[in-house]
Amino acid sequence: MRAVMTLLRRVLYYQAAVWTGCGAAIAIAPRWVLMTLFDQAPSPDYGYVRVSGAMSVGLALVMVLVAQRIEDVWWWSWAFALTDAAIVTITALHALFGLPAGSGSLLWWLFAGTNLALGAGLLVGMARAGHEKPFA
């Protein structure tokens, strides 16, 4: 049983690390990250970006809590998988149809691709966990 949960635990830890790093970066230096690193159009207000960064760090902490109790609450990972699916959909559609003039698409494709990979890892881990320990 423990070996089956290892993949899911590992994916949750990786996702938490990615979300913490990205969230901290945009919470601390949103203008530099968005405009300098990813060639986004300037915004008159970065408050919402900082809030999103803080929320990303908070959600990452919940991922770590779930990972630490994965044998008992593995199915809570669905919350993160659904969040990944929503993020992939929103960011890919934004990259395809919603970029403002002068904004690069790299950020949005990285966002979509990273969350697609992390979400796929969660789904594989939950599939294995579900065979071993279906929720009651």
C-alpha atoms as a PDB file:
ATOM      1  CA  MET A   1       0.000   0.000   0.000  1.00  0.00           C
ATOM      2  CA  ARG A   2       2.736   2.430   0.938  1.00  0.00           C
ATOM      3  CA  ALA A   3       4.500   2.013  -2.414  1.00  0.00           C
ATOM      4  CA  VAL A   4       1.288   2.755  -4.314  1.00  0.00           C
ATOM      5  CA  MET A   5       0.865   6.070  -2.492  1.00  0.00           C
ATOM      6  CA  THR A   6       4.492   7.088  -3.089  1.00  0.00           C
ATOM      7  CA  LEU A   7       3.798   8.413  -6.597  1.00  0.00           C
ATOM      8  CA  LEU A   8       0.824  10.486  -5.495  1.00  0.00           C
ATOM      9  CA  ARG A   9       2.729  11.858  -2.500  1.00  0.00           C
ATOM     10  CA  ARG A  10       5.711  12.726  -4.696  1.00  0.00           C
ATOM     11  CA  VAL A  11       3.540  14.521  -7.283  1.00  0.00           C
ATOM     12  CA  LEU A  12       1.859  16.539  -4.530  1.00  0.00           C
ATOM     13  CA  TYR A  13       5.252  17.567  -3.136  1.00  0.00           C
ATOM     14  CA  TYR A  14       6.512  18.551  -6.609  1.00  0.00           C
ATOM     15  CA  GLN A  15       3.363  20.517  -7.307  1.00  0.00           C
ATOM     16  CA  ALA A  16       3.591  22.252  -3.935  1.00  0.00           C
ATOM     17  CA  ALA A  17       7.202  23.229  -4.667  1.00  0.00           C
ATOM     18  CA  VAL A  18       6.313  24.634  -8.096  1.00  0.00           C
ATOM     19  CA  TRP A  19       3.290  26.525  -6.794  1.00  0.00           C
ATOM     20  CA  THR A  20       5.254  27.912  -3.825  1.00  0.00           C
ATOM     21  CA  GLY A  21       8.118  29.110  -5.985  1.00  0.00           C
ATOM     22  CA  CYS A  22       5.907  30.685  -8.634  1.00  0.00           C
ATOM     23  CA  GLY A  23       3.488  32.115  -6.085  1.00  0.00           C
ATOM     24  CA  ALA A  24       6.261  33.673  -4.009  1.00  0.00           C
ATOM     25  CA  ALA A  25       7.861  35.171  -7.119  1.00  0.00           C
ATOM     26  CA  ILE A  26       4.704  36.904  -8.302  1.00  0.00           C
ATOM     27  CA  ALA A  27       3.735  37.959  -4.784  1.00  0.00           C
ATOM     28  CA  ILE A  28       7.126  39.571  -4.176  1.00  0.00           C
ATOM     29  CA  ALA A  29       8.013  40.978  -7.610  1.00  0.00           C
ATOM     30  CA  PRO A  30       5.011  40.783  -9.953  1.00  0.00           C
ATOM     31  CA  ARG A  31       6.068  43.562 -12.300  1.00  0.00           C
ATOM     32  CA  TRP A  32       9.580  42.153 -12.772  1.00  0.00           C
ATOM     33  CA  VAL A  33       8.365  38.572 -13.264  1.00  0.00           C
ATOM     34  CA  LEU A  34       5.570  39.438 -15.655  1.00  0.00           C
ATOM     35  CA  MET A  35       7.085  42.266 -17.662  1.00  0.00           C
ATOM     36  CA  THR A  36      10.800  41.458 -17.603  1.00  0.00           C
ATOM     37  CA  LEU A  37      10.815  37.659 -17.621  1.00  0.00           C
ATOM     38  CA  PHE A  38       7.651  36.961 -19.615  1.00  0.00           C
ATOM     39  CA  ASP A  39       7.130  40.040 -21.788  1.00  0.00           C
ATOM     40  CA  GLN A  40       3.606  40.783 -20.581  1.00  0.00           C
ATOM     41  CA  ALA A  41       1.865  44.098 -21.171  1.00  0.00           C
ATOM     42  CA  PRO A  42       2.108  46.487 -18.209  1.00  0.00           C
ATOM     43  CA  SER A  43      -0.790  46.583 -15.799  1.00  0.00           C
ATOM     44  CA  PRO A  44      -1.982  49.620 -13.844  1.00  0.00           C
ATOM     45  CA  ASP A  45      -2.372  47.470 -10.709  1.00  0.00           C
ATOM     46  CA  TYR A  46      -0.511  44.341  -9.581  1.00  0.00           C
ATOM     47  CA  GLY A  47      -2.464  43.846  -6.364  1.00  0.00           C
ATOM     48  CA  TYR A  48      -4.534  40.980  -7.805  1.00  0.00           C
ATOM     49  CA  VAL A  49      -1.342  39.307  -9.006  1.00  0.00           C
ATOM     50  CA  ARG A  50       0.168  39.502  -5.516  1.00  0.00           C
ATOM     51  CA  VAL A  51      -3.043  38.054  -4.055  1.00  0.00           C
ATOM     52  CA  SER A  52      -2.896  35.176  -6.579  1.00  0.00           C
ATOM     53  CA  GLY A  53       0.707  34.528  -5.553  1.00  0.00           C
ATOM     54  CA  ALA A  54      -0.253  34.409  -1.872  1.00  0.00           C
ATOM     55  CA  MET A  55      -3.147  32.059  -2.658  1.00  0.00           C
ATOM     56  CA  SER A  56      -0.792  29.820  -4.629  1.00  0.00           C
ATOM     57  CA  VAL A  57       1.500  29.506  -1.610  1.00  0.00           C
ATOM     58  CA  GLY A  58      -1.484  28.787   0.657  1.00  0.00           C
ATOM     59  CA  LEU A  59      -2.820  26.076  -1.651  1.00  0.00           C
ATOM     60  CA  ALA A  60       0.663  24.567  -1.824  1.00  0.00           C
ATOM     61  CA  LEU A  61       0.675  24.255   1.968  1.00  0.00           C
ATOM     62  CA  VAL A  62      -2.615  22.330   1.787  1.00  0.00           C
ATOM     63  CA  MET A  63      -1.023  20.026  -0.835  1.00  0.00           C
ATOM     64  CA  VAL A  64       1.771  19.252   1.622  1.00  0.00           C
ATOM     65  CA  LEU A  65      -0.760  18.492   4.365  1.00  0.00           C
ATOM     66  CA  VAL A  66      -2.632  16.086   2.075  1.00  0.00           C
ATOM     67  CA  ALA A  67       0.643  14.471   0.993  1.00  0.00           C
ATOM     68  CA  GLN A  68       1.614  13.859   4.614  1.00  0.00           C
ATOM     69  CA  ARG A  69      -1.670  12.022   5.283  1.00  0.00           C
ATOM     70  CA  ILE A  70      -2.009  10.493   1.824  1.00  0.00           C
ATOM     71  CA  GLU A  71      -2.960   6.987   2.979  1.00  0.00           C
ATOM     72  CA  ASP A  72      -6.074   8.355   4.694  1.00  0.00           C
ATOM     73  CA  VAL A  73      -7.072  11.231   2.416  1.00  0.00           C
ATOM     74  CA  TRP A  74      -5.688  10.366  -1.041  1.00  0.00           C
ATOM     75  CA  TRP A  75      -8.997  11.240  -2.675  1.00  0.00           C
ATOM     76  CA  TRP A  76      -8.625  14.880  -1.526  1.00  0.00           C
ATOM     77  CA  SER A  77      -6.166  15.131  -4.414  1.00  0.00           C
ATOM     78  CA  TRP A  78      -9.197  15.527  -6.688  1.00  0.00           C
ATOM     79  CA  ALA A  79      -9.396  19.153  -5.534  1.00  0.00           C
ATOM     80  CA  PHE A  80      -5.917  19.781  -6.944  1.00  0.00           C
ATOM     81  CA  ALA A  81      -6.566  17.805 -10.136  1.00  0.00           C
ATOM     82  CA  LEU A  82      -9.725  19.827 -10.835  1.00  0.00           C
ATOM     83  CA  THR A  83      -7.825  23.038 -10.131  1.00  0.00           C
ATOM     84  CA  ASP A  84      -5.127  21.918 -12.596  1.00  0.00           C
ATOM     85  CA  ALA A  85      -7.757  21.174 -15.246  1.00  0.00           C
ATOM     86  CA  ALA A  86      -9.295  24.622 -14.815  1.00  0.00           C
ATOM     87  CA  ILE A  87      -5.898  26.326 -14.956  1.00  0.00           C
ATOM     88  CA  VAL A  88      -4.865  24.418 -18.087  1.00  0.00           C
ATOM     89  CA  THR A  89      -8.127  25.341 -19.808  1.00  0.00           C
ATOM     90  CA  ILE A  90      -7.991  29.011 -18.838  1.00  0.00           C
ATOM     91  CA  THR A  91      -4.320  29.551 -19.652  1.00  0.00           C
ATOM     92  CA  ALA A  92      -4.385  27.679 -22.974  1.00  0.00           C
ATOM     93  CA  LEU A  93      -7.483  29.563 -24.126  1.00  0.00           C
ATOM     94  CA  HIS A  94      -5.900  32.822 -23.016  1.00  0.00           C
ATOM     95  CA  ALA A  95      -2.720  32.031 -24.969  1.00  0.00           C
ATOM     96  CA  LEU A  96      -4.773  31.204 -28.052  1.00  0.00           C
ATOM     97  CA  PHE A  97      -7.427  33.911 -27.986  1.00  0.00           C
ATOM     98  CA  GLY A  98      -6.949  36.447 -25.192  1.00  0.00           C
ATOM     99  CA  LEU A  99      -3.479  37.928 -25.279  1.00  0.00           C
ATOM    100  CA  PRO A 100      -3.425  41.731 -25.149  1.00  0.00           C
ATOM    101  CA  ALA A 101      -1.396  43.528 -27.797  1.00  0.00           C
ATOM    102  CA  GLY A 102       2.285  43.464 -26.927  1.00  0.00           C
ATOM    103  CA  SER A 103       2.112  40.431 -24.613  1.00  0.00           C
ATOM    104  CA  GLY A 104       4.102  37.284 -25.171  1.00  0.00           C
ATOM    105  CA  SER A 105       2.507  33.843 -24.969  1.00  0.00           C
ATOM    106  CA  LEU A 106       5.412  31.942 -23.331  1.00  0.00           C
ATOM    107  CA  LEU A 107       4.142  32.497 -19.780  1.00  0.00           C
ATOM    108  CA  TRP A 108       0.705  31.150 -20.629  1.00  0.00           C
ATOM    109  CA  TRP A 109       2.007  28.064 -22.452  1.00  0.00           C
ATOM    110  CA  LEU A 110       4.417  27.309 -19.583  1.00  0.00           C
ATOM    111  CA  PHE A 111       1.549  27.720 -17.140  1.00  0.00           C
ATOM    112  CA  ALA A 112      -0.693  25.375 -19.164  1.00  0.00           C
ATOM    113  CA  GLY A 113       2.008  22.777 -19.843  1.00  0.00           C
ATOM    114  CA  THR A 114       3.294  22.617 -16.281  1.00  0.00           C
ATOM    115  CA  ASN A 115      -0.187  22.246 -14.815  1.00  0.00           C
ATOM    116  CA  LEU A 116      -1.089  19.676 -17.469  1.00  0.00           C
ATOM    117  CA  ALA A 117       1.925  17.570 -16.463  1.00  0.00           C
ATOM    118  CA  LEU A 118       1.235  17.951 -12.740  1.00  0.00           C
ATOM    119  CA  GLY A 119      -2.464  17.180 -13.213  1.00  0.00           C
ATOM    120  CA  ALA A 120      -1.621  14.087 -15.269  1.00  0.00           C
ATOM    121  CA  GLY A 121       0.702  12.934 -12.499  1.00  0.00           C
ATOM    122  CA  LEU A 122      -2.082  13.394  -9.969  1.00  0.00           C
ATOM    123  CA  LEU A 123      -4.512  11.396 -12.115  1.00  0.00           C
ATOM    124  CA  VAL A 124      -2.054   8.513 -12.517  1.00  0.00           C
ATOM    125  CA  GLY A 125      -1.328   8.533  -8.787  1.00  0.00           C
ATOM    126  CA  MET A 126      -5.026   8.660  -7.888  1.00  0.00           C
ATOM    127  CA  ALA A 127      -5.813   5.833 -10.311  1.00  0.00           C
ATOM    128  CA  ARG A 128      -3.231   3.646  -8.602  1.00  0.00           C
ATOM    129  CA  ALA A 129      -4.423   4.688  -5.155  1.00  0.00           C
ATOM    130  CA  GLY A 130      -8.050   4.037  -6.082  1.00  0.00           C
ATOM    131  CA  HIS A 131      -7.276   0.450  -7.096  1.00  0.00           C
ATOM    132  CA  GLU A 132      -5.424  -0.176  -3.868  1.00  0.00           C
ATOM    133  CA  LYS A 133      -7.728   1.671  -1.492  1.00  0.00           C
ATOM    134  CA  PRO A 134     -11.110   2.776  -2.892  1.00  0.00           C
ATOM    135  CA  PHE A 135     -12.797   5.492  -0.876  1.00  0.00           C
ATOM    136  CA  ALA A 136     -15.407   4.308   1.531  1.00  0.00           C
END
